[in-house]
């Protein structure tokens, strides 16, 4: 398989760089982010300017910034609500930071990569449809797709996914009306005027026209992402035999042998995984936040057993696991309610006990914290499991029978008999989620706010697909831009998707709104069949709700201090 890399200069020696500046302003994006738009420019200059804006924001060290996400024509800046005085003040700080960026920037002298692609029918399920749409044959399609030298305009969606500019206008094709539930790693797709490569198996809405064996993301590699913004890509046609040779079966990493105490997975339940509070700071290379879908439940469970709130625990979804404890432990369950274990109180588990959680009676996701925390090695700053990239956790995958989850051996002391009252309002029906209108809310009219939605069976850690009367306004020709947990996307079929913790970092569908940060834990507890309604709120209301939630958590933190003491 060809995959050659060589440095190429993209700016002539001595070429002038314009230094005049354009006034730039930051604008709100939901209640936890702001965006700065890059001025439109010919060719790839807009994307290059977006990268320069992102770099300027990083250098400015603006207070409250959690993540900076450059995309094709804008920069999205995620912030911590509790660390900014107000969003207008935060946006003003961003505007001052980007005002230092000249109107034109020197192009990035990136690396040129040749990536072999097989366009055979087995690996290109949408190629014939694309050809019919444009009235061309397969051979002409391949010639047109392999002719350009593409520019990597942004990295996002999933780790290492390149958004490539330079696609022939003759091949521009709207995204699929309904995204595929799963696209294989290495799939080459076309979405509107862009082409790209899926680095890992994931849901996807682009038209699949080929497949490559190139490894675009490997967390064990430095750098983990093969491509970066400013690089160039050429596709080279390969045969099915060459692809088969390149597609060496990816072996699931084996769980490291737990040298000390551990919890054995007897039965894994449904989508049981190791999670903590996530890995912020890596969205620029397509790595999502990850972490517990319901961060409040994760924090509360940890507080009950005396752990730091960021400690890793076990996320259990709908059907909990059977767990054999190899040593004495103190655990706590928060979030979804399971009959086998009382919620929101410390419980002693004796060595040799098999804890069978069974089915969740209320809610979707429960969080089992163990005193001392789960001690798998951190990857990219977190122990959270992110299955599409096989990142974090014990093996990079959901837990399976026979896995051993390491925990530290120690002694926990519980002072008195007590419990924390569960929040039963978290499961009230119907579920009313507070939403800040998005950039395309007006396209939907009042229907978005007057509809009762039902959660479909197609719901996971990436997002929740809703069923109901389709909304108008779903388009398939959008320029891809950053999205966040809580973003409500509208695919062309008009059925909204609420993004969750493992959601992509960049998306290409219209945004109806943003579920406010304070309500994301409630969204994470939705089960298939639950009824959901949206209620429009202002930015000030969203921030007030988040601060109220933070104050409640602070009170819980204070009330539980010292009630469980754990020592090795």
Protein backbone atom coordinates (compact mmCIF):
# COMPACT_ATOMS: atom_id res chain seq x y z
CA UNK A 1 0.00 0.00 0.00
CA UNK A 2 1.35 3.42 -0.86
CA UNK A 3 1.55 5.86 1.96
CA UNK A 4 4.42 8.23 1.31
CA UNK A 5 4.94 11.47 3.20
CA UNK A 6 7.15 14.38 2.18
CA UNK A 7 7.37 18.02 3.14
CA UNK A 8 6.14 20.52 0.58
CA UNK A 9 6.52 24.30 0.74
CA UNK A 10 3.24 26.07 0.02
CA UNK A 11 4.53 29.67 0.15
CA UNK A 12 7.00 31.08 -2.36
CA UNK A 13 10.20 32.42 -0.74
CA UNK A 14 9.82 36.11 -0.02
CA UNK A 15 6.09 36.10 -0.75
CA UNK A 16 4.47 39.02 1.08
CA UNK A 17 2.01 38.43 3.90
CA UNK A 18 -0.65 41.12 4.29
CA UNK A 19 -0.64 42.58 7.79
CA UNK A 20 -3.81 44.64 7.82
CA UNK A 21 -6.33 43.34 10.34
CA UNK A 22 -10.05 42.78 10.14
CA UNK A 23 -12.17 43.42 13.22
CA UNK A 24 -13.20 40.05 14.62
CA UNK A 25 -15.92 39.44 17.16
CA UNK A 26 -16.82 36.37 19.18
CA UNK A 27 -20.45 35.29 19.45
CA UNK A 28 -22.25 32.89 21.83
CA UNK A 29 -22.72 29.22 20.95
CA UNK A 30 -25.06 27.57 23.42
CA UNK A 31 -24.20 28.16 27.08
CA UNK A 32 -20.70 26.67 27.20
CA UNK A 33 -18.97 27.92 24.04
CA UNK A 34 -18.34 30.89 21.80
CA UNK A 35 -17.27 31.00 18.18
CA UNK A 36 -15.12 33.28 16.08
CA UNK A 37 -15.73 33.22 12.34
CA UNK A 38 -12.83 33.43 9.93
CA UNK A 39 -13.28 35.95 7.14
CA UNK A 40 -14.07 34.30 3.82
CA UNK A 41 -11.05 33.99 1.54
CA UNK A 42 -10.19 32.20 -1.71
CA UNK A 43 -9.09 28.58 -1.78
CA UNK A 44 -7.88 27.18 1.51
CA UNK A 45 -7.05 30.56 3.05
CA UNK A 46 -10.20 30.57 5.20
CA UNK A 47 -9.23 27.32 6.92
CA UNK A 48 -5.65 28.56 7.35
CA UNK A 49 -6.96 31.72 8.97
CA UNK A 50 -9.17 29.66 11.30
CA UNK A 51 -6.07 27.74 12.41
CA UNK A 52 -4.24 31.03 13.02
CA UNK A 53 -7.15 32.33 15.09
CA UNK A 54 -7.12 29.14 17.19
CA UNK A 55 -3.38 29.51 17.79
CA UNK A 56 -3.83 33.14 18.86
CA UNK A 57 -6.51 32.17 21.37
CA UNK A 58 -4.24 29.47 22.77
CA UNK A 59 -1.36 31.95 23.18
CA UNK A 60 -3.61 34.50 24.89
CA UNK A 61 -4.46 32.04 27.71
CA UNK A 62 -7.96 33.51 28.07
CA UNK A 63 -9.36 32.70 31.51
CA UNK A 64 -11.96 29.93 31.53
CA UNK A 65 -10.99 28.28 28.22
CA UNK A 66 -11.37 24.48 28.31
CA UNK A 67 -10.88 23.61 24.64
CA UNK A 68 -10.20 25.34 21.31
CA UNK A 69 -11.62 23.67 18.19
CA UNK A 70 -10.65 25.05 14.76
CA UNK A 71 -12.89 23.99 11.90
CA UNK A 72 -13.13 25.01 8.27
CA UNK A 73 -14.37 28.59 8.60
CA UNK A 74 -14.52 29.26 12.35
CA UNK A 75 -13.04 28.54 15.76
CA UNK A 76 -15.17 27.22 18.60
CA UNK A 77 -13.96 27.93 22.12
CA UNK A 78 -15.38 25.83 24.96
CA UNK A 79 -15.34 27.42 28.40
CA UNK A 80 -16.10 26.62 32.03
CA UNK A 81 -19.21 28.54 33.11
CA UNK A 82 -17.93 28.78 36.68
CA UNK A 83 -14.64 30.39 35.59
CA UNK A 84 -16.05 33.27 33.52
CA UNK A 85 -17.78 36.39 34.83
CA UNK A 86 -20.25 36.37 31.94
CA UNK A 87 -20.34 35.22 28.36
CA UNK A 88 -20.26 38.80 26.97
CA UNK A 89 -17.09 39.45 28.98
CA UNK A 90 -15.61 36.15 27.79
CA UNK A 91 -16.44 36.97 24.16
CA UNK A 92 -14.81 40.37 24.58
CA UNK A 93 -11.62 38.67 25.81
CA UNK A 94 -11.66 36.37 22.78
CA UNK A 95 -12.19 39.30 20.42
CA UNK A 96 -9.12 41.04 21.83
CA UNK A 97 -7.08 37.85 21.47
CA UNK A 98 -7.91 37.31 17.80
CA UNK A 99 -7.53 40.99 16.90
CA UNK A 100 -3.78 40.33 16.73
CA UNK A 101 -4.19 37.95 13.76
CA UNK A 102 -3.48 39.54 10.35
CA UNK A 103 -6.11 39.43 7.62
CA UNK A 104 -3.90 37.07 5.60
CA UNK A 105 -1.64 34.46 7.12
CA UNK A 106 1.25 32.49 5.73
CA UNK A 107 0.05 29.07 4.54
CA UNK A 108 1.19 26.16 6.67
CA UNK A 109 3.98 24.23 4.95
CA UNK A 110 2.46 20.84 5.61
CA UNK A 111 3.24 17.27 4.72
CA UNK A 112 2.04 15.65 1.52
CA UNK A 113 0.53 12.19 2.08
CA UNK A 114 -0.38 9.64 -0.59
CA UNK A 115 -3.18 7.36 0.59
CA UNK A 116 -4.15 4.25 -1.35
CA UNK A 117 -7.90 3.76 -1.86
CA UNK A 118 -9.80 0.75 -3.18
CA UNK A 119 -12.93 1.81 -5.08
CA UNK A 120 -14.27 -1.73 -5.54
CA UNK A 121 -18.01 -2.26 -5.11
CA UNK A 122 -17.64 -4.19 -1.85
CA UNK A 123 -15.91 -1.22 -0.24
CA UNK A 124 -17.87 1.58 -1.96
CA UNK A 125 -21.58 0.99 -1.25
CA UNK A 126 -22.63 4.49 -2.37
CA UNK A 127 -20.38 4.87 -5.40
CA UNK A 128 -22.95 3.75 -7.97
CA UNK A 129 -25.59 6.10 -6.51
CA UNK A 130 -23.14 9.00 -6.63
CA UNK A 131 -22.30 8.18 -10.24
CA UNK A 132 -25.97 8.04 -11.20
CA UNK A 133 -26.62 11.37 -9.50
CA UNK A 134 -23.90 13.04 -11.57
CA UNK A 135 -24.43 11.06 -14.77
CA UNK A 136 -20.90 9.65 -14.88
CA UNK A 137 -19.31 6.22 -14.91
CA UNK A 138 -17.21 4.61 -12.19
CA UNK A 139 -13.96 5.07 -14.13
CA UNK A 140 -14.53 8.81 -14.56
CA UNK A 141 -15.46 9.10 -10.89
CA UNK A 142 -12.17 7.48 -9.85
CA UNK A 143 -10.20 9.75 -12.17
CA UNK A 144 -11.92 12.83 -10.75
CA UNK A 145 -11.51 11.71 -7.14
CA UNK A 146 -7.80 10.88 -7.46
CA UNK A 147 -6.85 13.93 -9.55
CA UNK A 148 -6.70 16.74 -6.93
CA UNK A 149 -4.19 17.38 -4.21
CA UNK A 150 -6.55 17.91 -1.28
CA UNK A 151 -5.99 20.35 1.58
CA UNK A 152 -6.60 19.17 5.15
CA UNK A 153 -8.87 21.99 6.28
CA UNK A 154 -9.63 20.63 9.76
CA UNK A 155 -9.38 17.51 11.92
CA UNK A 156 -12.50 16.49 13.79
CA UNK A 157 -15.70 14.48 13.91
CA UNK A 158 -13.81 11.50 15.39
CA UNK A 159 -10.09 11.26 16.25
CA UNK A 160 -7.98 11.90 13.16
CA UNK A 161 -10.85 12.46 10.68
CA UNK A 162 -9.63 14.88 7.95
CA UNK A 163 -11.98 17.34 6.28
CA UNK A 164 -10.45 17.62 2.83
CA UNK A 165 -10.99 20.61 0.56
CA UNK A 166 -10.46 20.55 -3.19
CA UNK A 167 -13.09 18.01 -4.28
CA UNK A 168 -14.13 18.42 -7.90
CA UNK A 169 -17.46 20.26 -8.12
CA UNK A 170 -18.58 17.44 -10.42
CA UNK A 171 -18.50 15.06 -7.42
CA UNK A 172 -20.10 17.24 -4.72
CA UNK A 173 -22.92 15.13 -3.25
CA UNK A 174 -25.37 15.83 -0.40
CA UNK A 175 -24.96 13.80 2.77
CA UNK A 176 -27.21 10.79 3.22
CA UNK A 177 -30.74 11.56 4.43
CA UNK A 178 -30.27 9.17 7.35
CA UNK A 179 -26.78 8.45 8.76
CA UNK A 180 -25.56 4.87 8.71
CA UNK A 181 -25.47 3.23 12.17
CA UNK A 182 -21.88 2.15 11.50
CA UNK A 183 -19.23 2.94 8.91
CA UNK A 184 -16.03 0.82 8.87
CA UNK A 185 -12.61 2.21 9.70
CA UNK A 186 -10.85 3.41 6.56
CA UNK A 187 -14.06 4.24 4.68
CA UNK A 188 -13.58 7.12 2.23
CA UNK A 189 -16.60 9.38 1.96
CA UNK A 190 -18.04 12.44 0.27
CA UNK A 191 -20.21 14.91 2.18
CA UNK A 192 -21.39 17.91 0.16
CA UNK A 193 -18.26 19.64 -1.24
CA UNK A 194 -15.81 17.74 0.97
CA UNK A 195 -14.21 14.34 1.03
CA UNK A 196 -12.59 12.56 3.96
CA UNK A 197 -11.59 9.27 5.59
CA UNK A 198 -13.20 7.64 8.63
CA UNK A 199 -10.28 6.65 10.91
CA UNK A 200 -12.39 4.33 13.08
CA UNK A 201 -15.71 2.50 12.97
CA UNK A 202 -18.44 5.01 13.77
CA UNK A 203 -21.90 6.15 12.66
CA UNK A 204 -21.63 8.40 9.62
CA UNK A 205 -23.73 10.30 7.12
CA UNK A 206 -21.30 10.71 4.22
CA UNK A 207 -21.51 8.75 0.97
CA UNK A 208 -19.01 5.87 1.09
CA UNK A 209 -17.08 5.65 -2.18
CA UNK A 210 -14.00 3.61 -1.23
CA UNK A 211 -11.79 2.32 1.55
CA UNK A 212 -8.16 2.62 2.63
CA UNK A 213 -5.95 0.63 4.96
CA UNK A 214 -4.05 3.72 6.16
CA UNK A 215 -4.13 4.16 9.95
CA UNK A 216 -5.18 7.77 10.52
CA UNK A 217 -5.30 7.66 14.33
CA UNK A 218 -3.35 5.59 16.85
CA UNK A 219 -3.29 6.76 20.47
CA UNK A 220 -0.04 4.83 21.00
CA UNK A 221 1.66 6.79 18.21
CA UNK A 222 3.23 10.25 18.49
CA UNK A 223 1.56 12.21 17.09
CA UNK A 224 -1.59 10.14 17.42
CA UNK A 225 -3.25 11.72 14.36
CA UNK A 226 -1.53 11.04 11.02
CA UNK A 227 -2.79 14.27 9.45
CA UNK A 228 -3.07 17.82 10.71
CA UNK A 229 -4.65 20.99 9.37
CA UNK A 230 -2.54 22.38 6.53
CA UNK A 231 -1.30 19.00 5.30
CA UNK A 232 -2.04 17.80 1.76
CA UNK A 233 -3.48 14.47 0.61
CA UNK A 234 -3.49 12.65 -2.70
CA UNK A 235 -5.59 9.53 -3.22
CA UNK A 236 -4.07 6.72 -5.30
CA UNK A 237 -6.24 3.90 -6.64
CA UNK A 238 -5.43 0.45 -5.24
CA UNK A 239 -6.77 -3.05 -5.80
CA UNK A 240 -8.91 -5.16 -3.50
CA UNK A 241 -5.92 -7.45 -2.92
CA UNK A 242 -3.74 -4.50 -1.87
CA UNK A 243 -6.45 -3.30 0.49
CA UNK A 244 -6.85 -6.78 2.00
CA UNK A 245 -3.12 -6.90 2.67
CA UNK A 246 -3.23 -3.48 4.32
CA UNK A 247 -6.25 -4.26 6.47
CA UNK A 248 -4.40 -6.34 9.01
CA UNK A 249 -7.08 -7.32 11.53
CA UNK A 250 -6.89 -4.94 14.46
CA UNK A 251 -6.47 -7.03 17.57
CA UNK A 252 -8.34 -5.75 20.58
CA UNK A 253 -5.79 -4.75 23.19
CA UNK A 254 -5.73 -7.20 26.05
CA UNK A 255 -6.51 -5.97 29.52
CA UNK A 256 -3.34 -5.46 31.55
CA UNK A 257 -2.93 -8.07 34.20
CA UNK A 258 -4.14 -6.59 37.47
CA UNK A 259 -1.19 -7.05 39.80
CA UNK A 260 -3.23 -6.38 42.92
CA UNK A 261 -6.89 -6.37 43.82
CA UNK A 262 -9.50 -6.36 41.11
CA UNK A 263 -13.17 -6.73 40.24
CA UNK A 264 -13.84 -9.57 37.81
CA UNK A 265 -16.52 -9.11 35.17
CA UNK A 266 -18.66 -12.27 35.36
CA UNK A 267 -21.38 -10.98 33.03
CA UNK A 268 -20.82 -7.65 31.32
CA UNK A 269 -24.37 -6.35 31.07
CA UNK A 270 -25.10 -3.82 28.31
CA UNK A 271 -22.42 -1.33 27.25
CA UNK A 272 -20.71 -1.40 30.65
CA UNK A 273 -17.54 0.70 30.62
CA UNK A 274 -14.97 2.48 32.75
CA UNK A 275 -15.53 6.25 32.82
CA UNK A 276 -14.35 9.32 34.68
CA UNK A 277 -15.02 13.02 33.97
CA UNK A 278 -13.50 12.88 30.49
CA UNK A 279 -10.48 14.17 28.57
CA UNK A 280 -10.84 17.88 27.72
CA UNK A 281 -8.20 19.58 25.62
CA UNK A 282 -7.92 17.17 22.68
CA UNK A 283 -10.84 18.22 20.49
CA UNK A 284 -8.53 19.86 17.95
CA UNK A 285 -7.41 16.39 16.83
CA UNK A 286 -10.94 15.00 16.92
CA UNK A 287 -10.90 13.38 20.37
CA UNK A 288 -14.26 14.04 22.06
CA UNK A 289 -14.77 14.85 25.72
CA UNK A 290 -15.86 11.27 26.53
CA UNK A 291 -16.32 10.52 30.23
CA UNK A 292 -19.50 9.87 32.19
CA UNK A 293 -22.63 10.79 30.26
CA UNK A 294 -24.21 11.88 33.57
CA UNK A 295 -21.38 13.74 35.27
CA UNK A 296 -23.48 14.73 38.29
CA UNK A 297 -24.23 11.07 39.12
CA UNK A 298 -20.54 10.19 38.63
CA UNK A 299 -19.46 13.00 40.96
CA UNK A 300 -22.03 12.10 43.62
CA UNK A 301 -21.11 8.41 43.61
CA UNK A 302 -17.45 9.32 44.09
CA UNK A 303 -18.21 11.78 46.89
CA UNK A 304 -20.23 9.14 48.76
CA UNK A 305 -17.24 6.76 48.93
CA UNK A 306 -14.74 9.51 49.72
CA UNK A 307 -13.07 9.64 46.30
CA UNK A 308 -11.99 12.71 44.35
CA UNK A 309 -14.85 13.54 41.98
CA UNK A 310 -12.64 12.86 38.96
CA UNK A 311 -11.97 9.24 39.97
CA UNK A 312 -12.86 6.53 37.46
CA UNK A 313 -15.81 4.24 38.11
CA UNK A 314 -18.06 1.87 36.20
CA UNK A 315 -20.89 3.16 34.00
CA UNK A 316 -23.78 0.65 33.75
CA UNK A 317 -26.41 1.06 31.02
CA UNK A 318 -29.96 -0.37 31.37
CA UNK A 319 -28.71 -3.90 32.14
CA UNK A 320 -26.00 -3.90 34.77
CA UNK A 321 -23.09 -6.32 35.06
CA UNK A 322 -22.39 -9.18 37.46
CA UNK A 323 -19.22 -8.29 39.36
CA UNK A 324 -17.07 -10.57 41.53
CA UNK A 325 -15.07 -8.66 44.15
CA UNK A 326 -11.67 -10.17 44.90
CA UNK A 327 -11.25 -8.03 48.02
CA UNK A 328 -13.37 -6.15 50.52
CA UNK A 329 -14.65 -2.87 49.10
CA UNK A 330 -16.98 0.03 49.74
CA UNK A 331 -19.11 1.07 46.77
CA UNK A 332 -21.86 3.55 45.96
CA UNK A 333 -24.36 3.70 43.12
CA UNK A 334 -25.83 6.94 41.74
CA UNK A 335 -27.85 7.80 38.65
CA UNK A 336 -30.11 5.04 37.33
CA UNK A 337 -31.70 2.90 40.05
CA UNK A 338 -30.99 -0.85 40.18
CA UNK A 339 -32.86 -3.23 42.51
CA UNK A 340 -29.73 -5.05 43.65
CA UNK A 341 -28.11 -2.04 45.30
CA UNK A 342 -29.62 0.94 47.13
CA UNK A 343 -28.81 4.28 45.56
CA UNK A 344 -26.77 7.11 47.03
CA UNK A 345 -25.33 5.40 50.10
CA UNK A 346 -22.06 3.62 50.90
CA UNK A 347 -22.33 -0.18 50.83
CA UNK A 348 -19.74 -2.67 52.07
CA UNK A 349 -18.98 -5.57 49.73
CA UNK A 350 -17.15 -8.59 51.15
CA UNK A 351 -14.39 -10.36 49.23
CA UNK A 352 -15.82 -13.15 47.07
CA UNK A 353 -19.23 -11.48 46.69
CA UNK A 354 -20.85 -11.46 43.26
CA UNK A 355 -22.86 -8.26 42.85
CA UNK A 356 -25.51 -8.76 40.13
CA UNK A 357 -27.01 -5.34 39.37
CA UNK A 358 -29.69 -6.60 36.97
CA UNK A 359 -32.03 -4.26 35.10
CA UNK A 360 -32.31 -0.54 35.76
CA UNK A 361 -35.72 0.21 37.27
CA UNK A 362 -35.54 3.94 36.55
CA UNK A 363 -33.17 5.89 34.38
CA UNK A 364 -30.66 4.63 31.85
CA UNK A 365 -27.13 4.95 33.29
CA UNK A 366 -25.94 4.10 36.78
CA UNK A 367 -22.48 4.91 38.13
CA UNK A 368 -20.73 2.53 40.49
CA UNK A 369 -17.92 4.19 42.43
CA UNK A 370 -15.46 2.07 44.39
CA UNK A 371 -13.51 3.57 47.30
CA UNK A 372 -10.03 4.26 45.95
CA UNK A 373 -11.25 4.41 42.34
CA UNK A 374 -10.59 2.24 39.29
CA UNK A 375 -6.87 2.33 38.56
CA UNK A 376 -6.49 1.46 34.87
CA UNK A 377 -3.70 3.53 33.25
CA UNK A 378 -4.82 6.94 31.92
CA UNK A 379 -4.66 7.54 28.15
CA UNK A 380 -4.56 11.12 26.88
CA UNK A 381 -5.15 12.36 30.39
CA UNK A 382 -8.18 10.22 31.23
CA UNK A 383 -9.22 6.67 32.12
CA UNK A 384 -12.50 7.06 30.21
CA UNK A 385 -13.35 4.44 27.61
CA UNK A 386 -13.91 5.71 24.05
CA UNK A 387 -14.81 2.65 22.02
CA UNK A 388 -14.59 4.03 18.43
CA UNK A 389 -10.86 4.77 18.87
CA UNK A 390 -10.24 1.91 21.34
CA UNK A 391 -9.02 4.47 23.82
CA UNK A 392 -8.90 4.29 27.62
CA UNK A 393 -10.60 1.88 30.00
CA UNK A 394 -9.19 -1.60 30.50
CA UNK A 395 -8.93 -2.48 26.80
CA UNK A 396 -10.34 0.51 24.93
CA UNK A 397 -13.61 -1.40 24.63
CA UNK A 398 -16.71 -1.99 26.71
CA UNK A 399 -16.09 -4.47 29.51
CA UNK A 400 -16.54 -8.15 28.66
CA UNK A 401 -16.73 -11.38 30.67
CA UNK A 402 -13.37 -12.25 32.17
CA UNK A 403 -12.02 -8.69 32.29
CA UNK A 404 -10.44 -7.73 35.61
CA UNK A 405 -10.91 -4.11 36.66
CA UNK A 406 -8.03 -3.07 38.94
CA UNK A 407 -8.82 -1.32 42.22
CA UNK A 408 -6.42 -0.44 45.02
CA UNK A 409 -6.43 -2.56 48.14
CA UNK A 410 -7.24 -0.54 51.22
CA UNK A 411 -9.52 0.01 54.19
CA UNK A 412 -12.57 2.25 54.13
CA UNK A 413 -14.16 3.59 57.31
CA UNK A 414 -17.83 4.64 57.18
CA UNK A 415 -18.80 7.08 59.90
CA UNK A 416 -22.39 6.45 60.96
CA UNK A 417 -25.36 5.16 58.97
CA UNK A 418 -26.58 7.60 56.34
CA UNK A 419 -27.69 8.04 52.76
CA UNK A 420 -28.13 10.88 50.29
CA UNK A 421 -31.69 11.40 49.06
CA UNK A 422 -31.86 10.44 45.34
CA UNK A 423 -33.17 13.06 42.92
CA UNK A 424 -36.40 11.41 41.79
CA UNK A 425 -37.25 14.48 39.68
CA UNK A 426 -34.44 13.34 37.37
CA UNK A 427 -36.78 10.64 36.04
CA UNK A 428 -39.99 12.71 35.83
CA UNK A 429 -42.09 12.12 32.72
CA UNK A 430 -42.30 13.65 30.25
CA UNK A 431 -38.72 14.82 30.27
CA UNK A 432 -38.53 18.56 29.61
CA UNK A 433 -35.09 19.66 28.43
CA UNK A 434 -34.19 23.33 28.47
CA UNK A 435 -32.72 24.39 25.14
CA UNK A 436 -31.01 27.50 23.77
CA UNK A 437 -32.10 27.98 20.12
CA UNK A 438 -29.43 27.20 17.55
CA UNK A 439 -28.45 28.82 14.30
CA UNK A 440 -31.14 26.95 12.33
CA UNK A 441 -33.98 27.02 14.85
CA UNK A 442 -35.94 29.53 12.77
CA UNK A 443 -35.94 27.10 9.84
CA UNK A 444 -38.03 24.72 11.96
CA UNK A 445 -40.62 27.29 13.06
CA UNK A 446 -42.63 26.61 16.20
CA UNK A 447 -42.73 22.87 15.49
CA UNK A 448 -39.45 22.33 17.33
CA UNK A 449 -40.94 23.67 20.56
CA UNK A 450 -44.45 22.25 20.24
CA UNK A 451 -43.54 18.62 19.49
CA UNK A 452 -43.36 15.72 21.92
CA UNK A 453 -40.53 13.43 20.86
CA UNK A 454 -39.95 9.79 21.70
CA UNK A 455 -36.49 8.34 22.27
CA UNK A 456 -35.76 5.70 19.63
CA UNK A 457 -33.86 2.47 20.16
CA UNK A 458 -30.95 4.10 18.30
CA UNK A 459 -29.49 5.74 21.37
CA UNK A 460 -25.98 5.32 22.75
CA UNK A 461 -23.14 7.34 24.24
CA UNK A 462 -22.71 9.29 21.00
CA UNK A 463 -26.27 10.53 20.81
CA UNK A 464 -30.00 10.02 21.09
CA UNK A 465 -32.12 9.86 17.94
CA UNK A 466 -35.65 11.15 18.48
CA UNK A 467 -38.80 9.92 16.74
CA UNK A 468 -41.82 12.03 15.88
CA UNK A 469 -43.14 14.35 13.19
CA UNK A 470 -40.07 15.29 11.11
CA UNK A 471 -38.99 18.92 11.36
CA UNK A 472 -38.50 21.07 8.26
CA UNK A 473 -35.14 22.59 7.54
CA UNK A 474 -32.84 19.57 7.50
CA UNK A 475 -30.14 20.24 4.90
CA UNK A 476 -27.28 18.10 3.63
CA UNK A 477 -24.97 20.79 2.22
CA UNK A 478 -23.72 22.45 5.40
CA UNK A 479 -20.12 23.48 6.03
CA UNK A 480 -18.94 21.26 8.87
CA UNK A 481 -18.47 23.04 12.21
CA UNK A 482 -17.81 22.18 15.84
CA UNK A 483 -20.55 20.52 17.89
CA UNK A 484 -20.74 19.74 21.61
CA UNK A 485 -22.49 17.38 23.98
CA UNK A 486 -26.05 18.67 24.03
CA UNK A 487 -26.05 19.92 20.43
CA UNK A 488 -29.34 19.05 18.70
CA UNK A 489 -28.59 18.21 15.08
CA UNK A 490 -31.16 17.90 12.31
CA UNK A 491 -30.30 15.37 9.57
CA UNK A 492 -32.08 15.66 6.22
CA UNK A 493 -34.77 13.19 7.37
CA UNK A 494 -35.94 15.82 9.89
CA UNK A 495 -35.56 13.62 12.99
CA UNK A 496 -33.36 15.33 15.58
CA UNK A 497 -30.33 13.85 17.31
CA UNK A 498 -29.22 15.00 20.77
CA UNK A 499 -25.46 14.54 21.06
CA UNK A 500 -23.96 13.07 24.24
CA UNK A 501 -20.49 12.60 25.78
CA UNK A 502 -18.93 10.53 22.96
CA UNK A 503 -20.33 12.75 20.21
CA UNK A 504 -18.17 13.85 17.32
CA UNK A 505 -16.23 17.10 17.64
CA UNK A 506 -17.31 18.46 14.24
CA UNK A 507 -20.63 17.89 12.50
CA UNK A 508 -22.26 18.89 9.24
CA UNK A 509 -25.98 19.00 10.01
CA UNK A 510 -28.07 22.07 10.92
CA UNK A 511 -28.18 22.85 14.64
CA UNK A 512 -31.68 23.32 16.04
CA UNK A 513 -30.48 24.12 19.54
CA UNK A 514 -28.24 23.28 22.46
CA UNK A 515 -29.46 21.41 25.54
CA UNK A 516 -28.17 23.51 28.42
CA UNK A 517 -25.28 22.13 30.46
CA UNK A 518 -27.42 21.78 33.58
CA UNK A 519 -29.80 19.41 31.75
CA UNK A 520 -27.21 17.15 30.09
CA UNK A 521 -27.32 14.70 33.04
CA UNK A 522 -31.08 14.43 32.56
CA UNK A 523 -30.65 13.75 28.84
CA UNK A 524 -28.14 10.99 29.66
CA UNK A 525 -30.81 9.18 31.70
CA UNK A 526 -33.33 8.96 28.84
CA UNK A 527 -34.40 5.42 27.90
CA UNK A 528 -35.81 4.18 24.58
CA UNK A 529 -39.51 5.01 24.54
CA UNK A 530 -39.25 8.01 26.90
CA UNK A 531 -41.11 11.16 25.86
CA UNK A 532 -39.06 14.35 25.49
CA UNK A 533 -40.11 17.98 25.13
CA UNK A 534 -37.98 21.08 24.65
CA UNK A 535 -38.40 24.39 26.45
CA UNK A 536 -36.67 27.46 25.08
CA UNK A 537 -34.54 29.40 27.59
CA UNK A 538 -32.13 32.31 27.45
CA UNK A 539 -28.39 32.26 27.97
CA UNK A 540 -28.77 33.97 31.35
CA UNK A 541 -31.29 31.34 32.46
CA UNK A 542 -28.94 28.56 31.34
CA UNK A 543 -26.00 29.98 33.28
CA UNK A 544 -28.16 30.53 36.37
CA UNK A 545 -29.33 26.90 36.21
CA UNK A 546 -25.76 25.64 35.96
CA UNK A 547 -24.60 27.77 38.89
CA UNK A 548 -27.56 26.55 40.94
CA UNK A 549 -26.60 22.96 40.14
CA UNK A 550 -22.98 23.67 41.07
CA UNK A 551 -24.10 25.19 44.38
CA UNK A 552 -26.15 22.05 45.13
CA UNK A 553 -23.14 19.88 44.37
CA UNK A 554 -20.95 22.04 46.62
CA UNK A 555 -23.46 21.54 49.45
CA UNK A 556 -23.35 17.77 48.89
CA UNK A 557 -19.56 17.90 48.88
CA UNK A 558 -19.52 19.75 52.19
CA UNK A 559 -22.11 17.49 53.83
CA UNK A 560 -20.23 14.31 52.85
CA UNK A 561 -16.74 15.48 53.77
CA UNK A 562 -15.11 12.93 56.06
CA UNK A 563 -18.07 10.53 56.19
CA UNK A 564 -16.09 7.85 54.33
CA UNK A 565 -12.33 7.68 54.84
CA UNK A 566 -10.27 5.39 52.64
CA UNK A 567 -6.61 4.53 53.16
CA UNK A 568 -4.20 2.05 51.63
